Amino acid sequence: MNRDIKKIVLSLIKKHNTQNPFRLADALKIEYIVGSMGKCSGCYLYLKRHRCIFINEDLSDSEMHLVMAHELGHAILHRTENCYFIRNKTFLSTAWIEKEANTFAAELLIPDSLIYENPGMTKGQLARLAGYDEKIMDFKKINWFHTYVL
C-alpha cells in the first residue's frame, strides 16, 4: 500500500490537538488496557467490531508511548488485522504492516520541528533527545539532507 502516513498523522494531531498516543486513542474511541503480557510489549486486536490495544505494564513510560503509538498505527491503518509488538523484533520486521505502524509511531512521536531545530544532530542523538529508541528514526519520513545543510 502506498499511503501518506505523515499526512494522516498530522491530520489526527491537528484535529485532536495532541501527539499523545493515549489521548488520541481516547479521542478515537479505541480501547486500551495496560497489564501483564509476558514478553509481548503490546498488541492490537479487532474483536467484534471493537478496536482494542493491550500494552505491557512492565515497560518504561517512553517504551509505553512508543508501543502505544505503534499499536495505534495498526488500529488506524490496519483496522481489521490482529498485530503483536514483540520487543526487539518489530523494528527488524520486513513486513509492510509493521513498517507502516513504525512509520506512524515515528511521525506521531518525533515532530519535524525537533529535527529542524537541532541541525547537525545524528539520528541517534535526536532519538535520545525525544526519549525513544534510535531505531524509530529509520521510519521518520523527512528529507535528512536538508537537516545537515541548514
Foldseek 3Di string as FASTA:
>chain_A
DDDDLLVVLVVLCVVQVALQLVSSCVVVVAAEEEEADPQWQKKWAQDPNGTYIYGYNPDDPQSRRLSSQLRVQCCVVVVHDIGTHGPPPLLVDPDPSSLSSLLSSLSSQQPVVLLQVDAPDDLCVSQVVSPHHSSSSVNHDDDNVVSNVD
